[in-house]
């Protein structure tokens, strides 16, 4: 690999690790604290229930869009982007 490809791979790997850390946090860590979070109410629902039922899913969808945009930027900088 040349230096440009190596840099592209480093940026892509870093983005993937960030996304996996966020996924782990919102997929597991938040749900590990459901009982304490249930003391907080949002629209009459316990926060722990809300995070399990809706909150994590909303975050996952937002993460997908953010990841696609960030990866496209990395690809365009390296000159390997897919043309629209």
PDB file of N, CA and C in Angstrom:
ATOM      1  N   UNK A   1       0.841  -1.190   0.000  1.00  0.00           N
ATOM      2  CA  UNK A   1       0.000   0.000   0.000  1.00  0.00           C
ATOM      3  C   UNK A   1       0.878   1.242   0.000  1.00  0.00           C
ATOM      4  N   UNK A   2       0.430   2.237  -0.727  1.00  0.00           N
ATOM      5  CA  UNK A   2       1.169   3.489  -0.699  1.00  0.00           C
ATOM      6  C   UNK A   2       0.667   4.353   0.465  1.00  0.00           C
ATOM      7  N   UNK A   3       1.301   5.499   0.658  1.00  0.00           N
ATOM      8  CA  UNK A   3       0.986   6.359   1.802  1.00  0.00           C
ATOM      9  C   UNK A   3      -0.457   6.863   1.759  1.00  0.00           C
ATOM     10  N   UNK A   4      -0.945   7.167   0.570  1.00  0.00           N
ATOM     11  CA  UNK A   4      -2.317   7.686   0.442  1.00  0.00           C
ATOM     12  C   UNK A   4      -3.343   6.609   0.818  1.00  0.00           C
ATOM     13  N   UNK A   5      -3.127   5.397   0.368  1.00  0.00           N
ATOM     14  CA  UNK A   5      -4.031   4.302   0.718  1.00  0.00           C
ATOM     15  C   UNK A   5      -3.960   3.996   2.214  1.00  0.00           C
ATOM     16  N   UNK A   6      -2.755   4.079   2.772  1.00  0.00           N
ATOM     17  CA  UNK A   6      -2.577   3.833   4.199  1.00  0.00           C
ATOM     18  C   UNK A   6      -3.339   4.871   5.023  1.00  0.00           C
ATOM     19  N   UNK A   7      -3.269   6.129   4.616  1.00  0.00           N
ATOM     20  CA  UNK A   7      -3.986   7.199   5.312  1.00  0.00           C
ATOM     21  C   UNK A   7      -5.499   6.997   5.201  1.00  0.00           C
ATOM     22  N   UNK A   8      -5.963   6.607   4.012  1.00  0.00           N
ATOM     23  CA  UNK A   8      -7.393   6.340   3.820  1.00  0.00           C
ATOM     24  C   UNK A   8      -7.843   5.219   4.750  1.00  0.00           C
ATOM     25  N   UNK A   9      -7.058   4.160   4.845  1.00  0.00           N
ATOM     26  CA  UNK A   9      -7.409   3.033   5.698  1.00  0.00           C
ATOM     27  C   UNK A   9      -7.406   3.429   7.171  1.00  0.00           C
ATOM     28  N   UNK A  10      -6.455   4.260   7.597  1.00  0.00           N
ATOM     29  CA  UNK A  10      -6.406   4.718   8.997  1.00  0.00           C
ATOM     30  C   UNK A  10      -7.646   5.531   9.350  1.00  0.00           C
ATOM     31  N   UNK A  11      -8.032   6.436   8.449  1.00  0.00           N
ATOM     32  CA  UNK A  11      -9.229   7.248   8.698  1.00  0.00           C
ATOM     33  C   UNK A  11     -10.487   6.380   8.725  1.00  0.00           C
ATOM     34  N   UNK A  12     -10.578   5.432   7.804  1.00  0.00           N
ATOM     35  CA  UNK A  12     -11.731   4.533   7.760  1.00  0.00           C
ATOM     36  C   UNK A  12     -11.789   3.668   9.015  1.00  0.00           C
ATOM     37  N   UNK A  13     -10.655   3.159   9.441  1.00  0.00           N
ATOM     38  CA  UNK A  13     -10.613   2.324  10.649  1.00  0.00           C
ATOM     39  C   UNK A  13     -10.986   3.128  11.887  1.00  0.00           C
ATOM     40  N   UNK A  14     -10.499   4.356  11.959  1.00  0.00           N
ATOM     41  CA  UNK A  14     -10.828   5.215  13.104  1.00  0.00           C
ATOM     42  C   UNK A  14     -12.326   5.496  13.151  1.00  0.00           C
ATOM     43  N   UNK A  15     -12.911   5.817  12.007  1.00  0.00           N
ATOM     44  CA  UNK A  15     -14.351   6.063  11.953  1.00  0.00           C
ATOM     45  C   UNK A  15     -15.128   4.820  12.387  1.00  0.00           C
ATOM     46  N   UNK A  16     -14.699   3.657  11.919  1.00  0.00           N
ATOM     47  CA  UNK A  16     -15.384   2.417  12.279  1.00  0.00           C
ATOM     48  C   UNK A  16     -15.291   2.157  13.780  1.00  0.00           C
ATOM     49  N   UNK A  17     -14.144   2.394  14.388  1.00  0.00           N
ATOM     50  CA  UNK A  17     -13.993   2.177  15.833  1.00  0.00           C
ATOM     51  C   UNK A  17     -14.881   3.135  16.634  1.00  0.00           C
ATOM     52  N   UNK A  18     -14.974   4.372  16.176  1.00  0.00           N
ATOM     53  CA  UNK A  18     -15.858   5.328  16.844  1.00  0.00           C
ATOM     54  C   UNK A  18     -17.300   4.859  16.753  1.00  0.00           C
ATOM     55  N   UNK A  19     -17.702   4.418  15.565  1.00  0.00           N
ATOM     56  CA  UNK A  19     -19.077   3.956  15.383  1.00  0.00           C
ATOM     57  C   UNK A  19     -19.367   2.714  16.235  1.00  0.00           C
ATOM     58  N   UNK A  20     -18.418   1.809  16.306  1.00  0.00           N
ATOM     59  CA  UNK A  20     -18.625   0.600  17.114  1.00  0.00           C
ATOM     60  C   UNK A  20     -18.696   0.937  18.604  1.00  0.00           C
ATOM     61  N   UNK A  21     -17.905   1.914  19.056  1.00  0.00           N
ATOM     62  CA  UNK A  21     -17.956   2.327  20.456  1.00  0.00           C
ATOM     63  C   UNK A  21     -19.317   2.953  20.776  1.00  0.00           C
ATOM     64  N   UNK A  22     -19.807   3.798  19.870  1.00  0.00           N
ATOM     65  CA  UNK A  22     -21.130   4.398  20.069  1.00  0.00           C
ATOM     66  C   UNK A  22     -22.221   3.328  20.046  1.00  0.00           C
ATOM     67  N   UNK A  23     -22.111   2.391  19.119  1.00  0.00           N
ATOM     68  CA  UNK A  23     -23.088   1.308  19.047  1.00  0.00           C
ATOM     69  C   UNK A  23     -23.090   0.514  20.349  1.00  0.00           C
ATOM     70  N   UNK A  24     -21.914   0.172  20.864  1.00  0.00           N
ATOM     71  CA  UNK A  24     -21.816  -0.576  22.113  1.00  0.00           C
ATOM     72  C   UNK A  24     -22.433   0.217  23.263  1.00  0.00           C
ATOM     73  N   UNK A  25     -22.132   1.513  23.324  1.00  0.00           N
ATOM     74  CA  UNK A  25     -22.674   2.347  24.398  1.00  0.00           C
ATOM     75  C   UNK A  25     -24.192   2.383  24.363  1.00  0.00           C
ATOM     76  N   UNK A  26     -24.752   2.690  23.210  1.00  0.00           N
ATOM     77  CA  UNK A  26     -26.209   2.814  23.116  1.00  0.00           C
ATOM     78  C   UNK A  26     -26.912   1.465  23.038  1.00  0.00           C
ATOM     79  N   UNK A  27     -26.204   0.427  22.667  1.00  0.00           N
ATOM     80  CA  UNK A  27     -26.812  -0.900  22.579  1.00  0.00           C
ATOM     81  C   UNK A  27     -26.741  -1.694  23.877  1.00  0.00           C
ATOM     82  N   UNK A  28     -25.693  -1.459  24.679  1.00  0.00           N
ATOM     83  CA  UNK A  28     -25.508  -2.260  25.885  1.00  0.00           C
ATOM     84  C   UNK A  28     -25.391  -1.438  27.162  1.00  0.00           C
ATOM     85  N   UNK A  29     -24.550  -0.421  27.163  1.00  0.00           N
ATOM     86  CA  UNK A  29     -24.288   0.321  28.395  1.00  0.00           C
ATOM     87  C   UNK A  29     -25.548   1.015  28.895  1.00  0.00           C
ATOM     88  N   UNK A  30     -26.244   1.710  28.017  1.00  0.00           N
ATOM     89  CA  UNK A  30     -27.479   2.394  28.418  1.00  0.00           C
ATOM     90  C   UNK A  30     -28.465   1.394  29.016  1.00  0.00           C
ATOM     91  N   UNK A  31     -28.587   0.226  28.404  1.00  0.00           N
ATOM     92  CA  UNK A  31     -29.562  -0.759  28.859  1.00  0.00           C
ATOM     93  C   UNK A  31     -29.136  -1.427  30.170  1.00  0.00           C
ATOM     94  N   UNK A  32     -27.866  -1.364  30.499  1.00  0.00           N
ATOM     95  CA  UNK A  32     -27.404  -1.914  31.775  1.00  0.00           C
ATOM     96  C   UNK A  32     -27.872  -1.052  32.940  1.00  0.00           C
ATOM     97  N   UNK A  33     -28.224   0.190  32.671  1.00  0.00           N
ATOM     98  CA  UNK A  33     -28.670   1.107  33.714  1.00  0.00           C
ATOM     99  C   UNK A  33     -30.165   1.407  33.615  1.00  0.00           C
ATOM    100  N   UNK A  34     -30.932   0.451  33.147  1.00  0.00           N
ATOM    101  CA  UNK A  34     -32.373   0.659  32.970  1.00  0.00           C
ATOM    102  C   UNK A  34     -33.060   0.960  34.292  1.00  0.00           C
ATOM    103  N   UNK A  35     -32.745   0.216  35.321  1.00  0.00           N
ATOM    104  CA  UNK A  35     -33.427   0.394  36.608  1.00  0.00           C
ATOM    105  C   UNK A  35     -33.229   1.800  37.163  1.00  0.00           C
ATOM    106  N   UNK A  36     -31.992   2.327  37.253  1.00  0.00           N
ATOM    107  CA  UNK A  36     -31.860   3.705  37.742  1.00  0.00           C
ATOM    108  C   UNK A  36     -32.500   4.732  36.807  1.00  0.00           C
ATOM    109  N   UNK A  37     -32.447   4.465  35.486  1.00  0.00           N
ATOM    110  CA  UNK A  37     -33.040   5.407  34.538  1.00  0.00           C
ATOM    111  C   UNK A  37     -34.562   5.425  34.615  1.00  0.00           C
ATOM    112  N   UNK A  38     -35.158   4.353  35.116  1.00  0.00           N
ATOM    113  CA  UNK A  38     -36.618   4.303  35.206  1.00  0.00           C
ATOM    114  C   UNK A  38     -37.176   5.307  36.200  1.00  0.00           C
ATOM    115  N   UNK A  39     -36.339   5.866  37.055  1.00  0.00           N
ATOM    116  CA  UNK A  39     -36.788   6.908  37.981  1.00  0.00           C
ATOM    117  C   UNK A  39     -37.078   8.217  37.277  1.00  0.00           C
ATOM    118  N   UNK A  40     -36.560   8.402  36.074  1.00  0.00           N
ATOM    119  CA  UNK A  40     -36.787   9.618  35.293  1.00  0.00           C
ATOM    120  C   UNK A  40     -37.924   9.351  34.314  1.00  0.00           C
ATOM    121  N   UNK A  41     -38.905  10.236  34.298  1.00  0.00           N
ATOM    122  CA  UNK A  41     -40.068  10.056  33.422  1.00  0.00           C
ATOM    123  C   UNK A  41     -40.027  11.041  32.257  1.00  0.00           C
ATOM    124  N   UNK A  42     -40.327  10.541  31.049  1.00  0.00           N
ATOM    125  CA  UNK A  42     -40.464  11.376  29.854  1.00  0.00           C
ATOM    126  C   UNK A  42     -41.811  11.058  29.228  1.00  0.00           C
ATOM    127  N   UNK A  43     -42.662  12.040  29.149  1.00  0.00           N
ATOM    128  CA  UNK A  43     -44.024  11.866  28.626  1.00  0.00           C
ATOM    129  C   UNK A  43     -44.746  10.730  29.341  1.00  0.00           C
ATOM    130  N   UNK A  44     -44.484  10.576  30.625  1.00  0.00           N
ATOM    131  CA  UNK A  44     -45.146   9.551  31.419  1.00  0.00           C
ATOM    132  C   UNK A  44     -44.515   8.173  31.330  1.00  0.00           C
ATOM    133  N   UNK A  45     -43.513   8.006  30.494  1.00  0.00           N
ATOM    134  CA  UNK A  45     -42.830   6.717  30.371  1.00  0.00           C
ATOM    135  C   UNK A  45     -41.495   6.771  31.094  1.00  0.00           C
ATOM    136  N   UNK A  46     -41.109   5.686  31.748  1.00  0.00           N
ATOM    137  CA  UNK A  46     -39.787   5.657  32.376  1.00  0.00           C
ATOM    138  C   UNK A  46     -38.682   5.782  31.324  1.00  0.00           C
ATOM    139  N   UNK A  47     -37.635   6.538  31.633  1.00  0.00           N
ATOM    140  CA  UNK A  47     -36.559   6.779  30.673  1.00  0.00           C
ATOM    141  C   UNK A  47     -35.892   5.480  30.238  1.00  0.00           C
ATOM    142  N   UNK A  48     -35.724   4.525  31.153  1.00  0.00           N
ATOM    143  CA  UNK A  48     -35.124   3.239  30.791  1.00  0.00           C
ATOM    144  C   UNK A  48     -35.942   2.528  29.726  1.00  0.00           C
ATOM    145  N   UNK A  49     -37.253   2.517  29.883  1.00  0.00           N
ATOM    146  CA  UNK A  49     -38.142   1.903  28.895  1.00  0.00           C
ATOM    147  C   UNK A  49     -38.054   2.654  27.576  1.00  0.00           C
ATOM    148  N   UNK A  50     -38.048   3.985  27.648  1.00  0.00           N
ATOM    149  CA  UNK A  50     -37.992   4.796  26.428  1.00  0.00           C
ATOM    150  C   UNK A  50     -36.704   4.529  25.660  1.00  0.00           C
ATOM    151  N   UNK A  51     -35.566   4.470  26.372  1.00  0.00           N
ATOM    152  CA  UNK A  51     -34.290   4.219  25.699  1.00  0.00           C
ATOM    153  C   UNK A  51     -34.272   2.838  25.056  1.00  0.00           C
ATOM    154  N   UNK A  52     -34.858   1.853  25.724  1.00  0.00           N
ATOM    155  CA  UNK A  52     -34.885   0.495  25.171  1.00  0.00           C
ATOM    156  C   UNK A  52     -35.818   0.413  23.970  1.00  0.00           C
ATOM    157  N   UNK A  53     -36.960   1.093  24.039  1.00  0.00           N
ATOM    158  CA  UNK A  53     -37.963   0.969  22.986  1.00  0.00           C
ATOM    159  C   UNK A  53     -37.716   1.897  21.800  1.00  0.00           C
ATOM    160  N   UNK A  54     -37.267   3.115  22.065  1.00  0.00           N
ATOM    161  CA  UNK A  54     -37.170   4.095  20.977  1.00  0.00           C
ATOM    162  C   UNK A  54     -35.824   4.792  20.886  1.00  0.00           C
ATOM    163  N   UNK A  55     -35.284   5.183  22.012  1.00  0.00           N
ATOM    164  CA  UNK A  55     -34.086   6.021  22.022  1.00  0.00           C
ATOM    165  C   UNK A  55     -32.907   5.416  21.290  1.00  0.00           C
ATOM    166  N   UNK A  56     -32.606   4.167  21.569  1.00  0.00           N
ATOM    167  CA  UNK A  56     -31.461   3.531  20.919  1.00  0.00           C
ATOM    168  C   UNK A  56     -31.687   3.397  19.423  1.00  0.00           C
ATOM    169  N   UNK A  57     -32.890   3.085  19.023  1.00  0.00           N
ATOM    170  CA  UNK A  57     -33.189   2.949  17.589  1.00  0.00           C
ATOM    171  C   UNK A  57     -33.010   4.271  16.854  1.00  0.00           C
ATOM    172  N   UNK A  58     -33.441   5.352  17.479  1.00  0.00           N
ATOM    173  CA  UNK A  58     -33.281   6.674  16.866  1.00  0.00           C
ATOM    174  C   UNK A  58     -31.796   7.001  16.719  1.00  0.00           C
ATOM    175  N   UNK A  59     -31.023   6.702  17.765  1.00  0.00           N
ATOM    176  CA  UNK A  59     -29.581   6.952  17.711  1.00  0.00           C
ATOM    177  C   UNK A  59     -28.933   6.113  16.624  1.00  0.00           C
ATOM    178  N   UNK A  60     -29.326   4.843  16.490  1.00  0.00           N
ATOM    179  CA  UNK A  60     -28.741   3.966  15.473  1.00  0.00           C
ATOM    180  C   UNK A  60     -29.006   4.499  14.064  1.00  0.00           C
ATOM    181  N   UNK A  61     -30.202   4.988  13.808  1.00  0.00           N
ATOM    182  CA  UNK A  61     -30.527   5.544  12.489  1.00  0.00           C
ATOM    183  C   UNK A  61     -29.693   6.802  12.238  1.00  0.00           C
ATOM    184  N   UNK A  62     -29.584   7.667  13.250  1.00  0.00           N
ATOM    185  CA  UNK A  62     -28.766   8.876  13.106  1.00  0.00           C
ATOM    186  C   UNK A  62     -27.309   8.502  12.853  1.00  0.00           C
ATOM    187  N   UNK A  63     -26.828   7.461  13.522  1.00  0.00           N
ATOM    188  CA  UNK A  63     -25.456   7.003  13.325  1.00  0.00           C
ATOM    189  C   UNK A  63     -25.233   6.521  11.900  1.00  0.00           C
ATOM    190  N   UNK A  64     -26.215   5.845  11.315  1.00  0.00           N
ATOM    191  CA  UNK A  64     -26.087   5.371   9.936  1.00  0.00           C
ATOM    192  C   UNK A  64     -25.889   6.526   8.961  1.00  0.00           C
ATOM    193  N   UNK A  65     -26.694   7.574   9.120  1.00  0.00           N
ATOM    194  CA  UNK A  65     -26.567   8.724   8.229  1.00  0.00           C
ATOM    195  C   UNK A  65     -25.233   9.431   8.441  1.00  0.00           C
ATOM    196  N   UNK A  66     -24.821   9.590   9.716  1.00  0.00           N
ATOM    197  CA  UNK A  66     -23.555  10.241  10.020  1.00  0.00           C
ATOM    198  C   UNK A  66     -22.389   9.437   9.448  1.00  0.00           C
ATOM    199  N   UNK A  67     -22.440   8.114   9.618  1.00  0.00           N
ATOM    200  CA  UNK A  67     -21.378   7.254   9.109  1.00  0.00           C
ATOM    201  C   UNK A  67     -21.265   7.369   7.584  1.00  0.00           C
ATOM    202  N   UNK A  68     -22.398   7.322   6.896  1.00  0.00           N
ATOM    203  CA  UNK A  68     -22.389   7.404   5.428  1.00  0.00           C
ATOM    204  C   UNK A  68     -21.785   8.727   4.970  1.00  0.00           C
ATOM    205  N   UNK A  69     -22.156   9.813   5.623  1.00  0.00           N
ATOM    206  CA  UNK A  69     -21.628  11.125   5.247  1.00  0.00           C
ATOM    207  C   UNK A  69     -20.126  11.212   5.537  1.00  0.00           C
ATOM    208  N   UNK A  70     -19.712  10.738   6.703  1.00  0.00           N
ATOM    209  CA  UNK A  70     -18.295  10.800   7.074  1.00  0.00           C
ATOM    210  C   UNK A  70     -17.449   9.903   6.180  1.00  0.00           C
ATOM    211  N   UNK A  71     -17.934   8.711   5.865  1.00  0.00           N
ATOM    212  CA  UNK A  71     -17.171   7.807   5.006  1.00  0.00           C
ATOM    213  C   UNK A  71     -17.080   8.358   3.594  1.00  0.00           C
ATOM    214  N   UNK A  72     -18.138   8.982   3.109  1.00  0.00           N
ATOM    215  CA  UNK A  72     -18.104   9.586   1.788  1.00  0.00           C
ATOM    216  C   UNK A  72     -17.057  10.696   1.736  1.00  0.00           C
ATOM    217  N   UNK A  73     -16.973  11.486   2.803  1.00  0.00           N
ATOM    218  CA  UNK A  73     -15.972  12.556   2.866  1.00  0.00           C
ATOM    219  C   UNK A  73     -14.561  11.962   2.825  1.00  0.00           C
ATOM    220  N   UNK A  74     -14.329  10.904   3.589  1.00  0.00           N
ATOM    221  CA  UNK A  74     -13.019  10.243   3.602  1.00  0.00           C
ATOM    222  C   UNK A  74     -12.692   9.699   2.213  1.00  0.00           C
ATOM    223  N   UNK A  75     -13.677   9.061   1.590  1.00  0.00           N
ATOM    224  CA  UNK A  75     -13.464   8.497   0.249  1.00  0.00           C
ATOM    225  C   UNK A  75     -13.162   9.585  -0.773  1.00  0.00           C
ATOM    226  N   UNK A  76     -13.869  10.721  -0.704  1.00  0.00           N
ATOM    227  CA  UNK A  76     -13.643  11.804  -1.662  1.00  0.00           C
ATOM    228  C   UNK A  76     -12.258  12.408  -1.484  1.00  0.00           C
ATOM    229  N   UNK A  77     -11.802  12.533  -0.233  1.00  0.00           N
ATOM    230  CA  UNK A  77     -10.459  13.056   0.016  1.00  0.00           C
ATOM    231  C   UNK A  77      -9.393  12.140  -0.591  1.00  0.00           C
ATOM    232  N   UNK A  78      -9.661  10.833  -0.576  1.00  0.00           N
ATOM    233  CA  UNK A  78      -8.693   9.871  -1.102  1.00  0.00           C
ATOM    234  C   UNK A  78      -8.880   9.637  -2.605  1.00  0.00           C
ATOM    235  N   UNK A  79      -9.940  10.187  -3.177  1.00  0.00           N
ATOM    236  CA  UNK A  79     -10.175  10.015  -4.608  1.00  0.00           C
ATOM    237  C   UNK A  79     -10.752   8.663  -4.985  1.00  0.00           C
ATOM    238  N   UNK A  80     -11.434   8.003  -4.040  1.00  0.00           N
ATOM    239  CA  UNK A  80     -12.023   6.696  -4.324  1.00  0.00           C
ATOM    240  C   UNK A  80     -13.541   6.700  -4.155  1.00  0.00           C
ATOM    241  N   UNK A  81     -14.150   7.890  -4.162  1.00  0.00           N
ATOM    242  CA  UNK A  81     -15.588   7.998  -3.949  1.00  0.00           C
ATOM    243  C   UNK A  81     -16.359   7.470  -5.148  1.00  0.00           C
ATOM    244  N   UNK A  82     -17.548   6.954  -4.858  1.00  0.00           N
ATOM    245  CA  UNK A  82     -18.447   6.533  -5.928  1.00  0.00           C
ATOM    246  C   UNK A  82     -19.110   7.782  -6.491  1.00  0.00           C
ATOM    247  N   UNK A  83     -19.199   7.861  -7.802  1.00  0.00           N
ATOM    248  CA  UNK A  83     -19.849   9.009  -8.417  1.00  0.00           C
ATOM    249  C   UNK A  83     -21.356   8.854  -8.330  1.00  0.00           C
ATOM    250  N   UNK A  84     -22.016  10.001  -8.152  1.00  0.00           N
ATOM    251  CA  UNK A  84     -23.494   9.985  -8.047  1.00  0.00           C
ATOM    252  C   UNK A  84     -24.113   9.809  -9.404  1.00  0.00           C
TER     253      UNK A  84
END
